[in-house]
N, C-alpha and C. Protein backbone atom coordinates (compact mmCIF):
# COMPACT_ATOMS: atom_id res chain seq x y z
N UNK A 1 -96.04 35.55 -1.95
CA UNK A 1 -94.70 35.88 -2.07
C UNK A 1 -94.79 37.32 -1.88
N UNK A 2 -93.87 38.15 -1.25
CA UNK A 2 -93.63 39.79 -1.20
C UNK A 2 -92.94 40.10 -2.54
N UNK A 3 -93.56 41.10 -3.06
CA UNK A 3 -92.80 41.88 -4.34
C UNK A 3 -91.30 42.59 -3.93
N UNK A 4 -91.22 42.53 -2.49
CA UNK A 4 -90.17 43.38 -1.78
C UNK A 4 -88.48 42.26 -2.57
N UNK A 5 -89.17 40.58 -2.74
CA UNK A 5 -88.32 39.74 -3.53
C UNK A 5 -87.68 39.85 -4.47
N UNK A 6 -87.97 40.65 -5.26
CA UNK A 6 -87.29 41.19 -6.64
C UNK A 6 -86.56 41.83 -6.87
N UNK A 7 -86.55 42.96 -6.07
CA UNK A 7 -85.30 43.77 -6.28
C UNK A 7 -84.44 43.15 -5.16
N UNK A 8 -84.22 42.64 -4.21
CA UNK A 8 -83.98 41.72 -3.50
C UNK A 8 -82.92 40.72 -4.15
N UNK A 9 -83.49 40.04 -5.07
CA UNK A 9 -82.81 39.26 -5.83
C UNK A 9 -82.11 39.67 -7.24
N UNK A 10 -82.43 40.98 -7.73
CA UNK A 10 -81.97 41.50 -8.69
C UNK A 10 -80.32 42.00 -7.99
N UNK A 11 -80.18 42.55 -6.80
CA UNK A 11 -79.25 42.86 -5.94
C UNK A 11 -78.32 41.79 -6.02
N UNK A 12 -78.68 40.79 -5.83
CA UNK A 12 -77.57 39.20 -5.61
C UNK A 12 -77.21 39.04 -7.11
N UNK A 13 -78.42 38.86 -7.99
CA UNK A 13 -77.73 38.29 -9.51
C UNK A 13 -77.45 39.39 -10.02
N UNK A 14 -77.35 40.88 -10.10
CA UNK A 14 -76.69 41.67 -11.19
C UNK A 14 -75.46 41.60 -11.16
N UNK A 15 -74.76 42.12 -9.45
CA UNK A 15 -73.44 42.60 -9.57
C UNK A 15 -72.60 40.90 -9.97
N UNK A 16 -73.21 39.91 -9.79
CA UNK A 16 -72.53 38.36 -10.01
C UNK A 16 -72.40 38.50 -11.69
N UNK A 17 -73.32 38.97 -12.32
CA UNK A 17 -73.41 39.21 -13.86
C UNK A 17 -72.37 40.41 -14.09
N UNK A 18 -71.76 41.26 -13.14
CA UNK A 18 -71.19 42.30 -14.23
C UNK A 18 -72.16 43.51 -14.41
N UNK A 19 -73.44 43.66 -13.44
CA UNK A 19 -74.11 44.48 -13.70
C UNK A 19 -74.82 45.08 -12.69
N UNK A 20 -75.37 46.26 -12.78
CA UNK A 20 -75.72 46.86 -11.93
C UNK A 20 -77.43 46.50 -11.52
N UNK A 21 -77.84 46.51 -9.81
CA UNK A 21 -79.30 46.35 -10.00
C UNK A 21 -80.24 46.55 -10.51
N UNK A 22 -79.98 48.53 -10.90
CA UNK A 22 -80.92 49.33 -11.70
C UNK A 22 -81.09 48.66 -12.82
N UNK A 23 -79.82 48.36 -13.37
CA UNK A 23 -80.06 47.55 -15.07
C UNK A 23 -80.96 46.72 -15.60
N UNK A 24 -81.51 46.06 -14.16
CA UNK A 24 -82.29 44.84 -14.28
C UNK A 24 -83.51 45.36 -14.79
N UNK A 25 -84.23 46.94 -14.06
CA UNK A 25 -85.09 47.27 -14.54
C UNK A 25 -85.56 48.54 -15.22
N UNK A 26 -84.18 48.42 -15.75
CA UNK A 26 -84.15 49.49 -17.12
C UNK A 26 -84.94 48.89 -18.33
N UNK A 27 -86.05 49.69 -19.06
CA UNK A 27 -86.99 49.33 -19.73
C UNK A 27 -86.15 49.95 -21.36
N UNK A 28 -85.14 50.19 -21.54
CA UNK A 28 -84.67 50.70 -22.69
C UNK A 28 -84.73 49.65 -23.39
N UNK A 29 -84.40 49.90 -24.78
CA UNK A 29 -84.80 48.88 -25.53
C UNK A 29 -83.21 47.83 -26.05
N UNK A 30 -83.25 46.74 -26.14
CA UNK A 30 -82.52 45.42 -26.05
C UNK A 30 -81.62 45.97 -26.73
N UNK A 31 -81.36 46.66 -27.91
CA UNK A 31 -79.98 47.35 -28.48
C UNK A 31 -79.01 48.27 -27.45
N UNK A 32 -80.10 48.40 -26.39
CA UNK A 32 -79.22 49.38 -26.13
C UNK A 32 -78.67 48.81 -24.54
N UNK A 33 -78.78 47.83 -24.01
CA UNK A 33 -78.32 47.07 -23.12
C UNK A 33 -76.96 45.88 -23.32
N UNK A 34 -75.95 45.66 -22.25
CA UNK A 34 -75.14 45.13 -22.48
C UNK A 34 -75.34 43.51 -22.40
N UNK A 35 -74.74 42.93 -22.47
CA UNK A 35 -74.59 41.85 -22.72
C UNK A 35 -74.97 41.06 -21.16
N UNK A 36 -73.70 41.88 -20.59
CA UNK A 36 -74.07 41.66 -18.67
C UNK A 36 -75.58 42.02 -18.56
N UNK A 37 -75.58 43.37 -18.82
CA UNK A 37 -77.24 43.53 -18.48
C UNK A 37 -78.61 42.65 -18.93
N UNK A 38 -78.41 42.02 -19.77
CA UNK A 38 -79.42 40.85 -20.60
C UNK A 38 -79.52 39.91 -19.52
N UNK A 39 -78.47 39.55 -19.48
CA UNK A 39 -78.14 37.97 -18.69
C UNK A 39 -78.74 38.40 -17.10
N UNK A 40 -77.76 39.66 -16.84
CA UNK A 40 -78.49 39.76 -15.09
C UNK A 40 -80.09 39.98 -15.11
N UNK A 41 -80.77 40.47 -16.31
CA UNK A 41 -82.40 40.26 -16.22
C UNK A 41 -82.66 39.53 -16.43
N UNK A 42 -81.92 38.56 -17.26
CA UNK A 42 -83.10 37.13 -17.42
C UNK A 42 -82.81 36.35 -15.95
N UNK A 43 -81.34 36.37 -15.63
CA UNK A 43 -81.25 35.59 -14.38
C UNK A 43 -82.04 35.94 -13.25
N UNK A 44 -82.50 37.15 -13.24
CA UNK A 44 -83.16 37.52 -11.94
C UNK A 44 -84.61 37.24 -12.20
N UNK A 45 -85.07 37.34 -13.47
CA UNK A 45 -86.70 36.86 -13.71
C UNK A 45 -86.64 35.25 -13.41
N UNK A 46 -85.23 34.33 -13.64
CA UNK A 46 -85.44 33.36 -13.56
C UNK A 46 -85.86 32.93 -12.05
N UNK A 47 -84.55 33.36 -11.51
CA UNK A 47 -84.50 33.56 -9.64
C UNK A 47 -85.66 33.76 -9.27
N UNK A 48 -86.39 34.92 -9.72
CA UNK A 48 -87.62 35.39 -8.91
C UNK A 48 -88.77 34.31 -9.12
N UNK A 49 -88.69 33.94 -10.17
CA UNK A 49 -89.99 33.38 -10.82
C UNK A 49 -89.40 31.90 -9.76
N UNK A 50 -88.46 30.99 -10.02
CA UNK A 50 -88.46 29.69 -9.78
C UNK A 50 -87.98 29.73 -7.84
N UNK A 51 -87.24 30.30 -7.53
CA UNK A 51 -86.74 30.14 -6.14
C UNK A 51 -87.31 31.50 -5.26
N UNK A 52 -87.28 32.62 -5.59
CA UNK A 52 -88.40 33.40 -4.56
C UNK A 52 -89.89 33.22 -4.62
N UNK A 53 -90.36 32.56 -5.67
CA UNK A 53 -91.92 32.15 -5.71
C UNK A 53 -92.88 33.04 -6.64
N UNK A 54 -92.37 34.47 -7.24
CA UNK A 54 -93.00 35.54 -7.48
C UNK A 54 -93.54 34.75 -9.04
N UNK A 55 -94.88 34.98 -8.89
CA UNK A 55 -95.72 34.48 -10.52
C UNK A 55 -95.49 35.09 -11.37
N UNK A 56 -95.35 34.72 -12.47
CA UNK A 56 -95.39 35.06 -13.90
C UNK A 56 -95.89 36.37 -14.28
N UNK A 57 -97.40 36.06 -13.47
CA UNK A 57 -98.18 37.53 -13.44
C UNK A 57 -97.69 38.76 -12.62
N UNK A 58 -97.01 38.30 -11.52
CA UNK A 58 -96.50 39.07 -10.30
C UNK A 58 -95.55 40.11 -11.26
N UNK A 59 -94.76 39.15 -11.86
CA UNK A 59 -93.30 39.93 -12.65
C UNK A 59 -93.56 40.65 -13.53
N UNK A 60 -94.94 40.38 -14.16
CA UNK A 60 -95.57 41.08 -15.41
C UNK A 60 -95.79 42.33 -14.74
N UNK A 61 -96.45 42.48 -13.90
CA UNK A 61 -96.92 43.71 -13.08
C UNK A 61 -95.68 44.50 -12.53
N UNK A 62 -94.76 43.50 -12.37
CA UNK A 62 -93.74 44.73 -11.26
C UNK A 62 -92.36 45.03 -12.48
N UNK A 63 -92.68 44.59 -13.63
CA UNK A 63 -91.09 44.56 -14.96
C UNK A 63 -91.39 45.35 -15.73
N UNK A 64 -92.96 45.30 -15.91
CA UNK A 64 -93.81 45.86 -17.52
C UNK A 64 -93.50 45.11 -18.66
N UNK A 65 -92.88 43.55 -18.33
CA UNK A 65 -92.85 42.88 -19.27
C UNK A 65 -93.87 41.66 -19.35
N UNK A 66 -94.28 41.51 -20.80
CA UNK A 66 -95.53 40.63 -21.33
C UNK A 66 -95.20 39.23 -20.69
N UNK A 67 -95.85 38.11 -20.06
CA UNK A 67 -95.80 36.92 -19.77
C UNK A 67 -94.92 36.09 -20.50
N UNK A 68 -95.09 36.15 -21.96
CA UNK A 68 -94.69 35.38 -23.17
C UNK A 68 -93.03 35.51 -22.83
N UNK A 69 -92.50 37.16 -22.91
CA UNK A 69 -91.24 37.57 -22.45
C UNK A 69 -90.85 36.67 -21.22
N UNK A 70 -91.57 36.76 -20.41
CA UNK A 70 -90.71 36.28 -18.80
C UNK A 70 -91.24 34.90 -18.92
N UNK A 71 -91.74 34.10 -19.94
CA UNK A 71 -91.76 32.47 -20.09
C UNK A 71 -90.61 32.43 -20.75
N UNK A 72 -89.99 33.13 -22.00
CA UNK A 72 -88.74 33.03 -22.75
C UNK A 72 -87.68 33.54 -21.87
N UNK A 73 -87.56 33.79 -21.24
CA UNK A 73 -86.34 34.58 -20.15
C UNK A 73 -86.26 33.10 -19.38
N UNK A 74 -87.22 32.72 -18.61
CA UNK A 74 -87.06 31.55 -17.71
C UNK A 74 -86.39 30.39 -18.74
N UNK A 75 -87.01 30.16 -20.07
CA UNK A 75 -86.65 29.18 -21.18
C UNK A 75 -85.18 29.38 -21.50
N UNK A 76 -84.76 30.20 -21.53
CA UNK A 76 -83.43 30.77 -21.57
C UNK A 76 -81.92 30.39 -20.82
N UNK A 77 -82.68 30.74 -19.75
CA UNK A 77 -81.79 30.28 -18.44
C UNK A 77 -81.75 28.82 -18.07
N UNK A 78 -83.07 28.31 -18.67
CA UNK A 78 -82.75 26.61 -18.26
C UNK A 78 -82.21 25.82 -19.53
N UNK A 79 -82.13 26.40 -20.69
CA UNK A 79 -81.45 26.09 -21.46
C UNK A 79 -79.93 26.21 -21.53
N UNK A 80 -79.15 27.54 -20.84
CA UNK A 80 -78.04 27.86 -20.92
C UNK A 80 -77.36 27.14 -19.58
N UNK A 81 -78.07 26.53 -18.57
CA UNK A 81 -77.97 25.81 -17.62
C UNK A 81 -77.28 24.28 -18.03
N UNK A 82 -77.42 24.31 -19.13
CA UNK A 82 -77.16 23.04 -19.50
C UNK A 82 -75.30 22.81 -19.45
N UNK A 83 -74.88 24.04 -19.65
CA UNK A 83 -73.33 24.56 -19.33
C UNK A 83 -72.84 24.55 -17.83
N UNK A 84 -72.28 23.41 -17.73
CA UNK A 84 -71.82 23.24 -16.44
C UNK A 84 -71.25 24.52 -15.33
N UNK A 85 -70.55 25.15 -16.06
CA UNK A 85 -69.62 26.27 -15.43
C UNK A 85 -71.09 27.33 -15.22
N UNK A 86 -71.63 27.70 -16.17
CA UNK A 86 -73.14 28.30 -15.85
C UNK A 86 -74.10 28.03 -14.78
N UNK A 87 -74.51 26.70 -14.85
CA UNK A 87 -74.90 25.84 -13.73
C UNK A 87 -74.67 26.39 -12.29
N UNK A 88 -73.37 26.06 -12.11
CA UNK A 88 -72.75 26.24 -10.94
C UNK A 88 -72.85 27.82 -10.36
N UNK A 89 -72.57 28.97 -11.39
CA UNK A 89 -73.02 30.13 -10.95
C UNK A 89 -74.40 30.16 -10.65
N UNK A 90 -75.51 29.92 -11.53
CA UNK A 90 -76.68 29.68 -11.06
C UNK A 90 -76.88 28.79 -9.65
N UNK A 91 -76.29 27.86 -9.30
CA UNK A 91 -76.22 27.63 -7.94
C UNK A 91 -76.12 28.32 -6.78
N UNK A 92 -75.36 28.70 -7.34
CA UNK A 92 -74.55 29.56 -6.36
C UNK A 92 -75.84 30.89 -5.88
N UNK A 93 -76.26 31.33 -7.22
CA UNK A 93 -77.17 32.45 -6.93
C UNK A 93 -78.14 32.28 -6.52
N UNK A 94 -78.82 30.97 -6.55
CA UNK A 94 -80.26 30.24 -6.11
C UNK A 94 -80.00 29.90 -4.55
N UNK A 95 -78.67 29.28 -4.23
CA UNK A 95 -78.52 29.25 -3.07
C UNK A 95 -78.71 30.79 -1.82
N UNK A 96 -78.16 31.78 -2.47
CA UNK A 96 -78.05 33.13 -1.59
C UNK A 96 -79.07 33.80 -1.77
N UNK A 97 -80.02 33.48 -3.11
CA UNK A 97 -81.45 34.00 -2.59
C UNK A 97 -82.42 33.55 -2.01
N UNK A 98 -82.12 32.08 -1.78
CA UNK A 98 -83.33 30.91 -0.89
C UNK A 98 -82.66 31.39 0.56
N UNK A 99 -81.21 31.95 0.74
CA UNK A 99 -80.98 32.10 2.08
C UNK A 99 -81.15 33.32 2.47
N UNK A 100 -81.42 34.20 1.63
CA UNK A 100 -81.86 35.93 2.22
C UNK A 100 -82.86 35.81 2.07
N UNK A 101 -83.87 35.09 1.60
CA UNK A 101 -85.61 35.68 1.33
C UNK A 101 -86.04 34.33 2.68
N UNK A 102 -85.39 33.47 2.39
CA UNK A 102 -85.91 32.23 3.50
C UNK A 102 -85.41 31.85 4.92
N UNK A 103 -83.99 32.40 4.66
CA UNK A 103 -82.98 31.70 5.34
C UNK A 103 -83.45 32.47 7.26
């Protein structure tokens, strides 16, 4: 899969979470990020990996995040999807990424 799918995914996820796509790639310490920015970043990682098909190795190089942290991000979203409302949001975002990337 192409690396252009990462900024494309961020462009879909970040506004839905109340953040800017630029904030997804901000490498500031966690303490300087808002909750919306953190969820947007984690959601982008999750969808770039699970829907857009970017490997954790690719994401590690593109986002300057260790694979251990990337796996943690994916796990956090999977756990958060136990909440029906959050799962519905993620399902809509999955469809948007899938449609835009492969439609």
